[in-house]
Amino acid sequence: MLKVAVITVSDRAWRGEYADQSGPRIREVLERKLPGIDVSLQVVPDEAEAITTALRQNSGRDYIFTSGGTGLSPRDITPEICARWCDREVPGISEWLRRESEKETPHAVFSRAYTGMKGKTMVVNFPGSLRGADLCASLMATVMQHGRDMAHGGDHERQKK
């Protein structure tokens, strides 16, 4: 069973000014496409310490998806914090998600999303918009099992059978 943490990075949602919608949407998409998946939700402010603590708390999961904090706003620091926390980068995922998102909106070019690994945990930054989170969750659902298997030492050849 895949274990996923979804961390929404949003000052306003964390303060309760509005309900987080992207985190629950990501969970909904993943549960629909990957029955039996274990998805936890968390909301943190756009603060380095809060993001790092949330990453650390969820480090045993197969995937950590963040939602929000990837744009150009001065408080958008999610990619930098994730890059510092991870051991190595996995640029192909962010490039793929950005390329597919650009088909939906030209504004995706402003995404600074990052993907990396901490041990066997894959950290993937999603946009904070509901539409962007939905699209990225749908795309990731198609490759998550393979990514988990590879992170745990799986063989490409066995994956094809």
N, C-alpha and C. Protein backbone atom coordinates (compact mmCIF):
# COMPACT_ATOMS: atom_id res chain seq x y z
N MET A 1 0.84 -1.19 0.00
CA MET A 1 0.00 0.00 0.00
C MET A 1 0.88 1.25 0.00
N LEU A 2 0.59 2.15 -0.90
CA LEU A 2 1.30 3.42 -0.97
C LEU A 2 0.89 4.32 0.19
N LYS A 3 1.88 4.98 0.79
CA LYS A 3 1.61 5.92 1.88
C LYS A 3 2.04 7.31 1.42
N VAL A 4 1.10 8.25 1.50
CA VAL A 4 1.31 9.60 0.98
C VAL A 4 0.92 10.63 2.03
N ALA A 5 1.72 11.66 2.16
CA ALA A 5 1.36 12.82 2.97
C ALA A 5 1.15 14.00 2.02
N VAL A 6 0.08 14.74 2.22
CA VAL A 6 -0.18 15.96 1.45
C VAL A 6 -0.06 17.12 2.42
N ILE A 7 0.89 18.00 2.15
CA ILE A 7 1.12 19.17 2.99
C ILE A 7 0.74 20.41 2.20
N THR A 8 -0.31 21.07 2.62
CA THR A 8 -0.71 22.33 1.99
C THR A 8 0.04 23.46 2.67
N VAL A 9 0.73 24.26 1.87
CA VAL A 9 1.51 25.39 2.38
C VAL A 9 0.73 26.66 2.04
N SER A 10 0.09 27.22 3.07
CA SER A 10 -0.75 28.41 2.85
C SER A 10 -0.95 29.14 4.18
N ASP A 11 -0.51 30.38 4.23
CA ASP A 11 -0.71 31.19 5.43
C ASP A 11 -2.20 31.32 5.74
N ARG A 12 -2.98 31.64 4.73
CA ARG A 12 -4.41 31.90 4.96
C ARG A 12 -5.17 30.65 5.37
N ALA A 13 -4.90 29.53 4.74
CA ALA A 13 -5.58 28.29 5.14
C ALA A 13 -5.14 27.88 6.54
N TRP A 14 -3.87 28.05 6.85
CA TRP A 14 -3.35 27.70 8.17
C TRP A 14 -4.00 28.57 9.26
N ARG A 15 -4.23 29.86 8.95
CA ARG A 15 -4.89 30.76 9.91
C ARG A 15 -6.39 30.53 9.98
N GLY A 16 -6.94 29.73 9.09
CA GLY A 16 -8.37 29.45 9.10
C GLY A 16 -9.20 30.48 8.36
N GLU A 17 -8.56 31.32 7.54
CA GLU A 17 -9.30 32.34 6.80
C GLU A 17 -10.15 31.71 5.70
N TYR A 18 -9.74 30.55 5.23
CA TYR A 18 -10.55 29.75 4.31
C TYR A 18 -10.12 28.30 4.45
N ALA A 19 -11.00 27.42 4.03
CA ALA A 19 -10.71 25.99 4.12
C ALA A 19 -9.76 25.57 3.00
N ASP A 20 -8.82 24.72 3.36
CA ASP A 20 -7.94 24.15 2.35
C ASP A 20 -8.77 23.31 1.39
N GLN A 21 -8.64 23.54 0.12
CA GLN A 21 -9.35 22.74 -0.88
C GLN A 21 -8.40 21.85 -1.68
N SER A 22 -7.17 22.31 -1.87
CA SER A 22 -6.26 21.52 -2.71
C SER A 22 -5.84 20.21 -2.06
N GLY A 23 -5.56 20.21 -0.77
CA GLY A 23 -5.17 18.98 -0.09
C GLY A 23 -6.25 17.91 -0.18
N PRO A 24 -7.49 18.24 0.22
CA PRO A 24 -8.57 17.25 0.10
C PRO A 24 -8.80 16.80 -1.35
N ARG A 25 -8.62 17.70 -2.32
CA ARG A 25 -8.80 17.31 -3.72
C ARG A 25 -7.73 16.31 -4.14
N ILE A 26 -6.49 16.55 -3.73
CA ILE A 26 -5.40 15.61 -4.05
C ILE A 26 -5.73 14.24 -3.46
N ARG A 27 -6.16 14.21 -2.20
CA ARG A 27 -6.52 12.93 -1.57
C ARG A 27 -7.66 12.25 -2.33
N GLU A 28 -8.67 13.01 -2.69
CA GLU A 28 -9.81 12.46 -3.43
C GLU A 28 -9.36 11.82 -4.76
N VAL A 29 -8.53 12.51 -5.51
CA VAL A 29 -8.04 12.00 -6.79
C VAL A 29 -7.23 10.72 -6.57
N LEU A 30 -6.32 10.74 -5.61
CA LEU A 30 -5.48 9.57 -5.37
C LEU A 30 -6.29 8.37 -4.90
N GLU A 31 -7.26 8.59 -4.02
CA GLU A 31 -8.09 7.48 -3.53
C GLU A 31 -8.95 6.89 -4.64
N ARG A 32 -9.38 7.73 -5.56
CA ARG A 32 -10.19 7.25 -6.69
C ARG A 32 -9.34 6.43 -7.66
N LYS A 33 -8.13 6.90 -7.93
CA LYS A 33 -7.28 6.25 -8.93
C LYS A 33 -6.43 5.11 -8.36
N LEU A 34 -6.20 5.14 -7.05
CA LEU A 34 -5.35 4.13 -6.41
C LEU A 34 -6.04 3.60 -5.15
N PRO A 35 -7.06 2.77 -5.30
CA PRO A 35 -7.80 2.27 -4.14
C PRO A 35 -6.87 1.63 -3.10
N GLY A 36 -7.13 1.92 -1.85
CA GLY A 36 -6.33 1.37 -0.76
C GLY A 36 -5.16 2.24 -0.35
N ILE A 37 -4.93 3.34 -1.05
CA ILE A 37 -3.83 4.24 -0.72
C ILE A 37 -4.09 4.90 0.64
N ASP A 38 -3.04 5.18 1.38
CA ASP A 38 -3.13 5.85 2.68
C ASP A 38 -2.66 7.29 2.49
N VAL A 39 -3.57 8.25 2.65
CA VAL A 39 -3.24 9.66 2.42
C VAL A 39 -3.56 10.48 3.66
N SER A 40 -2.54 11.15 4.21
CA SER A 40 -2.75 12.06 5.33
C SER A 40 -2.70 13.50 4.83
N LEU A 41 -3.38 14.39 5.53
CA LEU A 41 -3.43 15.81 5.16
C LEU A 41 -2.89 16.67 6.29
N GLN A 42 -2.21 17.75 5.91
CA GLN A 42 -1.68 18.69 6.89
C GLN A 42 -1.63 20.07 6.24
N VAL A 43 -1.86 21.11 7.02
CA VAL A 43 -1.76 22.49 6.53
C VAL A 43 -0.74 23.22 7.39
N VAL A 44 0.21 23.90 6.73
CA VAL A 44 1.24 24.66 7.43
C VAL A 44 1.35 26.05 6.81
N PRO A 45 1.89 27.00 7.57
CA PRO A 45 2.10 28.35 7.00
C PRO A 45 3.32 28.37 6.10
N ASP A 46 3.45 29.44 5.32
CA ASP A 46 4.60 29.65 4.44
C ASP A 46 5.81 30.08 5.28
N GLU A 47 6.28 29.18 6.09
CA GLU A 47 7.43 29.47 6.96
C GLU A 47 8.39 28.29 6.91
N ALA A 48 9.66 28.57 6.77
CA ALA A 48 10.68 27.53 6.60
C ALA A 48 10.61 26.47 7.68
N GLU A 49 10.54 26.88 8.93
CA GLU A 49 10.54 25.92 10.03
C GLU A 49 9.31 25.01 10.00
N ALA A 50 8.15 25.59 9.71
CA ALA A 50 6.92 24.80 9.66
C ALA A 50 6.95 23.78 8.52
N ILE A 51 7.45 24.21 7.37
CA ILE A 51 7.53 23.29 6.22
C ILE A 51 8.53 22.17 6.52
N THR A 52 9.69 22.53 7.04
CA THR A 52 10.71 21.52 7.35
C THR A 52 10.21 20.53 8.39
N THR A 53 9.53 21.02 9.41
CA THR A 53 8.98 20.13 10.44
C THR A 53 7.97 19.16 9.84
N ALA A 54 7.10 19.65 8.97
CA ALA A 54 6.10 18.78 8.33
C ALA A 54 6.78 17.73 7.45
N LEU A 55 7.80 18.13 6.72
CA LEU A 55 8.54 17.17 5.90
C LEU A 55 9.16 16.09 6.78
N ARG A 56 9.80 16.50 7.84
CA ARG A 56 10.45 15.56 8.76
C ARG A 56 9.43 14.59 9.37
N GLN A 57 8.28 15.11 9.77
CA GLN A 57 7.24 14.27 10.39
C GLN A 57 6.72 13.20 9.44
N ASN A 58 6.81 13.44 8.16
CA ASN A 58 6.24 12.52 7.17
C ASN A 58 7.32 11.76 6.38
N SER A 59 8.54 11.78 6.85
CA SER A 59 9.65 11.21 6.08
C SER A 59 9.56 9.71 5.87
N GLY A 60 8.76 8.99 6.60
CA GLY A 60 8.63 7.55 6.39
C GLY A 60 7.65 7.16 5.30
N ARG A 61 6.96 8.12 4.75
CA ARG A 61 5.98 7.83 3.71
C ARG A 61 6.66 7.65 2.36
N ASP A 62 5.94 7.04 1.42
CA ASP A 62 6.49 6.85 0.08
C ASP A 62 6.59 8.17 -0.67
N TYR A 63 5.57 9.00 -0.51
CA TYR A 63 5.51 10.30 -1.19
C TYR A 63 5.06 11.39 -0.23
N ILE A 64 5.61 12.56 -0.41
CA ILE A 64 5.11 13.77 0.22
C ILE A 64 4.79 14.72 -0.92
N PHE A 65 3.52 15.09 -1.04
CA PHE A 65 3.11 16.08 -2.03
C PHE A 65 2.84 17.37 -1.28
N THR A 66 3.47 18.45 -1.73
CA THR A 66 3.13 19.75 -1.17
C THR A 66 2.22 20.46 -2.16
N SER A 67 1.37 21.31 -1.65
CA SER A 67 0.47 22.10 -2.49
C SER A 67 0.60 23.55 -2.07
N GLY A 68 1.08 24.38 -2.99
CA GLY A 68 1.20 25.80 -2.70
C GLY A 68 2.64 26.22 -2.42
N GLY A 69 2.85 27.52 -2.50
CA GLY A 69 4.15 28.09 -2.20
C GLY A 69 5.19 27.93 -3.29
N THR A 70 4.73 27.70 -4.54
CA THR A 70 5.68 27.47 -5.64
C THR A 70 5.72 28.63 -6.64
N GLY A 71 5.00 29.69 -6.35
CA GLY A 71 4.91 30.81 -7.28
C GLY A 71 5.98 31.87 -7.06
N LEU A 72 5.64 33.10 -7.39
CA LEU A 72 6.60 34.20 -7.36
C LEU A 72 6.44 35.14 -6.17
N SER A 73 5.45 34.89 -5.34
CA SER A 73 5.23 35.74 -4.17
C SER A 73 6.45 35.69 -3.25
N PRO A 74 6.74 36.79 -2.56
CA PRO A 74 7.89 36.79 -1.65
C PRO A 74 7.82 35.68 -0.58
N ARG A 75 6.63 35.24 -0.20
CA ARG A 75 6.51 34.19 0.82
C ARG A 75 6.48 32.78 0.23
N ASP A 76 6.53 32.65 -1.07
CA ASP A 76 6.54 31.33 -1.72
C ASP A 76 7.95 30.74 -1.64
N ILE A 77 8.16 29.88 -0.64
CA ILE A 77 9.49 29.32 -0.38
C ILE A 77 9.51 27.80 -0.40
N THR A 78 8.40 27.18 -0.75
CA THR A 78 8.32 25.72 -0.69
C THR A 78 9.43 25.02 -1.48
N PRO A 79 9.71 25.39 -2.73
CA PRO A 79 10.76 24.67 -3.47
C PRO A 79 12.13 24.77 -2.80
N GLU A 80 12.48 25.94 -2.30
CA GLU A 80 13.78 26.11 -1.66
C GLU A 80 13.91 25.25 -0.41
N ILE A 81 12.85 25.21 0.39
CA ILE A 81 12.90 24.42 1.63
C ILE A 81 12.97 22.93 1.30
N CYS A 82 12.19 22.49 0.33
CA CYS A 82 12.22 21.08 -0.05
C CYS A 82 13.58 20.70 -0.64
N ALA A 83 14.16 21.57 -1.45
CA ALA A 83 15.47 21.28 -2.04
C ALA A 83 16.54 21.16 -0.96
N ARG A 84 16.48 22.00 0.05
CA ARG A 84 17.45 21.93 1.16
C ARG A 84 17.28 20.64 1.96
N TRP A 85 16.03 20.19 2.11
CA TRP A 85 15.74 19.01 2.93
C TRP A 85 16.07 17.71 2.21
N CYS A 86 15.90 17.68 0.91
CA CYS A 86 16.11 16.44 0.15
C CYS A 86 17.59 16.14 -0.05
N ASP A 87 17.87 14.86 -0.30
CA ASP A 87 19.23 14.39 -0.56
C ASP A 87 19.61 14.53 -2.02
N ARG A 88 18.63 14.36 -2.91
CA ARG A 88 18.91 14.43 -4.34
C ARG A 88 17.67 14.87 -5.10
N GLU A 89 17.91 15.47 -6.25
CA GLU A 89 16.85 16.02 -7.09
C GLU A 89 16.36 14.98 -8.10
N VAL A 90 15.07 15.07 -8.44
CA VAL A 90 14.45 14.24 -9.48
C VAL A 90 13.76 15.22 -10.44
N PRO A 91 14.50 15.91 -11.29
CA PRO A 91 13.94 17.00 -12.09
C PRO A 91 12.90 16.58 -13.12
N GLY A 92 12.95 15.35 -13.59
CA GLY A 92 12.02 14.92 -14.64
C GLY A 92 10.56 15.04 -14.24
N ILE A 93 10.26 14.78 -12.98
CA ILE A 93 8.86 14.85 -12.53
C ILE A 93 8.36 16.28 -12.59
N SER A 94 9.11 17.22 -12.03
CA SER A 94 8.67 18.62 -12.06
C SER A 94 8.57 19.15 -13.48
N GLU A 95 9.52 18.75 -14.32
CA GLU A 95 9.47 19.18 -15.72
C GLU A 95 8.21 18.64 -16.41
N TRP A 96 7.89 17.38 -16.16
CA TRP A 96 6.71 16.74 -16.74
C TRP A 96 5.43 17.42 -16.25
N LEU A 97 5.31 17.63 -14.95
CA LEU A 97 4.10 18.26 -14.40
C LEU A 97 3.93 19.68 -14.92
N ARG A 98 5.03 20.42 -15.02
CA ARG A 98 4.97 21.79 -15.54
C ARG A 98 4.55 21.78 -17.01
N ARG A 99 5.14 20.88 -17.80
CA ARG A 99 4.82 20.79 -19.23
C ARG A 99 3.35 20.45 -19.43
N GLU A 100 2.83 19.51 -18.67
CA GLU A 100 1.42 19.14 -18.79
C GLU A 100 0.51 20.26 -18.29
N SER A 101 0.93 20.96 -17.25
CA SER A 101 0.14 22.08 -16.72
C SER A 101 0.06 23.23 -17.71
N GLU A 102 1.14 23.43 -18.48
CA GLU A 102 1.15 24.49 -19.48
C GLU A 102 0.09 24.27 -20.55
N LYS A 103 -0.32 23.03 -20.76
CA LYS A 103 -1.39 22.74 -21.72
C LYS A 103 -2.73 23.26 -21.23
N GLU A 104 -2.85 23.44 -19.91
CA GLU A 104 -4.08 23.93 -19.30
C GLU A 104 -4.07 25.45 -19.12
N THR A 105 -2.90 25.99 -18.79
CA THR A 105 -2.79 27.44 -18.57
C THR A 105 -1.37 27.91 -18.84
N PRO A 106 -1.21 29.03 -19.55
CA PRO A 106 0.14 29.54 -19.78
C PRO A 106 0.81 30.01 -18.48
N HIS A 107 0.03 30.23 -17.43
CA HIS A 107 0.59 30.69 -16.16
C HIS A 107 1.47 29.65 -15.49
N ALA A 108 1.41 28.41 -15.94
CA ALA A 108 2.24 27.35 -15.37
C ALA A 108 3.73 27.64 -15.57
N VAL A 109 4.06 28.51 -16.51
CA VAL A 109 5.48 28.83 -16.73
C VAL A 109 6.09 29.53 -15.51
N PHE A 110 5.27 30.05 -14.63
CA PHE A 110 5.77 30.73 -13.44
C PHE A 110 6.00 29.78 -12.27
N SER A 111 5.68 28.51 -12.45
CA SER A 111 5.88 27.53 -11.38
C SER A 111 7.37 27.28 -11.15
N ARG A 112 7.76 27.28 -9.89
CA ARG A 112 9.13 26.96 -9.52
C ARG A 112 9.20 25.61 -8.81
N ALA A 113 8.20 24.77 -9.04
CA ALA A 113 8.06 23.49 -8.35
C ALA A 113 9.33 22.64 -8.44
N TYR A 114 9.57 21.87 -7.39
CA TYR A 114 10.76 21.04 -7.22
C TYR A 114 10.33 19.61 -6.91
N THR A 115 11.15 18.64 -7.31
CA THR A 115 10.96 17.26 -6.90
C THR A 115 12.31 16.71 -6.46
N GLY A 116 12.30 16.00 -5.35
CA GLY A 116 13.53 15.41 -4.85
C GLY A 116 13.23 14.22 -3.97
N MET A 117 14.29 13.62 -3.44
CA MET A 117 14.15 12.47 -2.56
C MET A 117 14.93 12.68 -1.28
N LYS A 118 14.34 12.22 -0.20
CA LYS A 118 15.00 12.15 1.11
C LYS A 118 14.93 10.68 1.48
N GLY A 119 16.06 10.00 1.37
CA GLY A 119 16.04 8.56 1.56
C GLY A 119 15.19 7.94 0.47
N LYS A 120 14.16 7.19 0.88
CA LYS A 120 13.26 6.54 -0.08
C LYS A 120 11.96 7.31 -0.28
N THR A 121 11.85 8.48 0.34
CA THR A 121 10.64 9.30 0.24
C THR A 121 10.80 10.31 -0.90
N MET A 122 9.83 10.33 -1.81
CA MET A 122 9.82 11.28 -2.91
C MET A 122 8.99 12.50 -2.49
N VAL A 123 9.55 13.69 -2.68
CA VAL A 123 8.88 14.95 -2.35
C VAL A 123 8.57 15.67 -3.65
N VAL A 124 7.30 15.95 -3.90
CA VAL A 124 6.88 16.58 -5.16
C VAL A 124 6.05 17.82 -4.84
N ASN A 125 6.46 18.97 -5.38
CA ASN A 125 5.70 20.21 -5.20
C ASN A 125 4.62 20.33 -6.26
N PHE A 126 3.38 20.54 -5.82
CA PHE A 126 2.25 20.80 -6.69
C PHE A 126 1.88 22.27 -6.57
N PRO A 127 1.20 22.81 -7.58
CA PRO A 127 0.68 24.18 -7.44
C PRO A 127 -0.42 24.22 -6.38
N GLY A 128 -0.70 25.40 -5.88
CA GLY A 128 -1.73 25.53 -4.86
C GLY A 128 -3.14 25.65 -5.42
N SER A 129 -3.26 25.90 -6.71
CA SER A 129 -4.60 26.03 -7.29
C SER A 129 -5.30 24.68 -7.30
N LEU A 130 -6.61 24.71 -7.18
CA LEU A 130 -7.40 23.48 -7.18
C LEU A 130 -7.22 22.73 -8.49
N ARG A 131 -7.29 23.43 -9.59
CA ARG A 131 -7.15 22.81 -10.91
C ARG A 131 -5.76 22.21 -11.10
N GLY A 132 -4.74 22.93 -10.68
CA GLY A 132 -3.37 22.44 -10.81
C GLY A 132 -3.10 21.23 -9.91
N ALA A 133 -3.62 21.29 -8.69
CA ALA A 133 -3.45 20.16 -7.77
C ALA A 133 -4.14 18.92 -8.31
N ASP A 134 -5.33 19.10 -8.84
CA ASP A 134 -6.10 17.99 -9.42
C ASP A 134 -5.33 17.35 -10.58
N LEU A 135 -4.83 18.17 -11.49
CA LEU A 135 -4.11 17.67 -12.65
C LEU A 135 -2.84 16.93 -12.22
N CYS A 136 -2.06 17.53 -11.34
CA CYS A 136 -0.80 16.91 -10.92
C CYS A 136 -1.04 15.60 -10.17
N ALA A 137 -2.08 15.54 -9.34
CA ALA A 137 -2.40 14.30 -8.63
C ALA A 137 -2.80 13.21 -9.63
N SER A 138 -3.59 13.58 -10.62
CA SER A 138 -4.02 12.62 -11.64
C SER A 138 -2.82 12.07 -12.41
N LEU A 139 -1.90 12.94 -12.77
CA LEU A 139 -0.71 12.50 -13.49
C LEU A 139 0.17 11.61 -12.62
N MET A 140 0.41 12.03 -11.40
CA MET A 140 1.29 11.26 -10.52
C MET A 140 0.73 9.88 -10.21
N ALA A 141 -0.59 9.78 -10.13
CA ALA A 141 -1.21 8.48 -9.83
C ALA A 141 -0.79 7.41 -10.84
N THR A 142 -0.46 7.83 -12.05
CA THR A 142 -0.10 6.85 -13.09
C THR A 142 1.32 6.31 -12.94
N VAL A 143 2.16 6.97 -12.15
CA VAL A 143 3.56 6.54 -12.04
C VAL A 143 4.03 6.26 -10.61
N MET A 144 3.16 6.47 -9.64
CA MET A 144 3.59 6.38 -8.24
C MET A 144 4.08 5.00 -7.83
N GLN A 145 3.40 3.96 -8.21
CA GLN A 145 3.82 2.62 -7.80
C GLN A 145 5.20 2.29 -8.35
N HIS A 146 5.43 2.62 -9.62
CA HIS A 146 6.74 2.37 -10.23
C HIS A 146 7.82 3.17 -9.52
N GLY A 147 7.54 4.43 -9.23
CA GLY A 147 8.52 5.27 -8.53
C GLY A 147 8.85 4.71 -7.16
N ARG A 148 7.85 4.26 -6.43
CA ARG A 148 8.07 3.66 -5.11
C ARG A 148 8.92 2.41 -5.24
N ASP A 149 8.57 1.56 -6.19
CA ASP A 149 9.33 0.32 -6.38
C ASP A 149 10.79 0.61 -6.70
N MET A 150 11.03 1.58 -7.56
CA MET A 150 12.41 1.93 -7.93
C MET A 150 13.16 2.51 -6.73
N ALA A 151 12.51 3.32 -5.93
CA ALA A 151 13.14 3.91 -4.74
C ALA A 151 13.54 2.83 -3.73
N HIS A 152 12.84 1.72 -3.77
CA HIS A 152 13.13 0.61 -2.86
C HIS A 152 14.02 -0.44 -3.51
N GLY A 153 14.68 -0.10 -4.62
CA GLY A 153 15.64 -0.99 -5.24
C GLY A 153 15.08 -1.89 -6.32
N GLY A 154 13.88 -1.57 -6.83
CA GLY A 154 13.27 -2.38 -7.88
C GLY A 154 14.09 -2.37 -9.16
N ASP A 155 13.86 -3.38 -9.97
CA ASP A 155 14.58 -3.57 -11.23
C ASP A 155 13.67 -3.14 -12.39
N HIS A 156 14.21 -2.34 -13.31
CA HIS A 156 13.42 -1.88 -14.46
C HIS A 156 12.83 -3.05 -15.24
N GLU A 157 13.60 -4.09 -15.41
CA GLU A 157 13.13 -5.24 -16.18
C GLU A 157 11.92 -5.90 -15.52
N ARG A 158 11.97 -6.07 -14.22
CA ARG A 158 10.84 -6.69 -13.52
C ARG A 158 9.60 -5.81 -13.59
N GLN A 159 9.80 -4.50 -13.68
CA GLN A 159 8.67 -3.57 -13.75
C GLN A 159 7.89 -3.72 -15.05
N LYS A 160 8.54 -4.18 -16.11
CA LYS A 160 7.90 -4.28 -17.43
C LYS A 160 7.00 -5.50 -17.53
N LYS A 161 7.23 -6.51 -16.72
CA LYS A 161 6.48 -7.78 -16.83
C LYS A 161 5.12 -7.70 -16.23
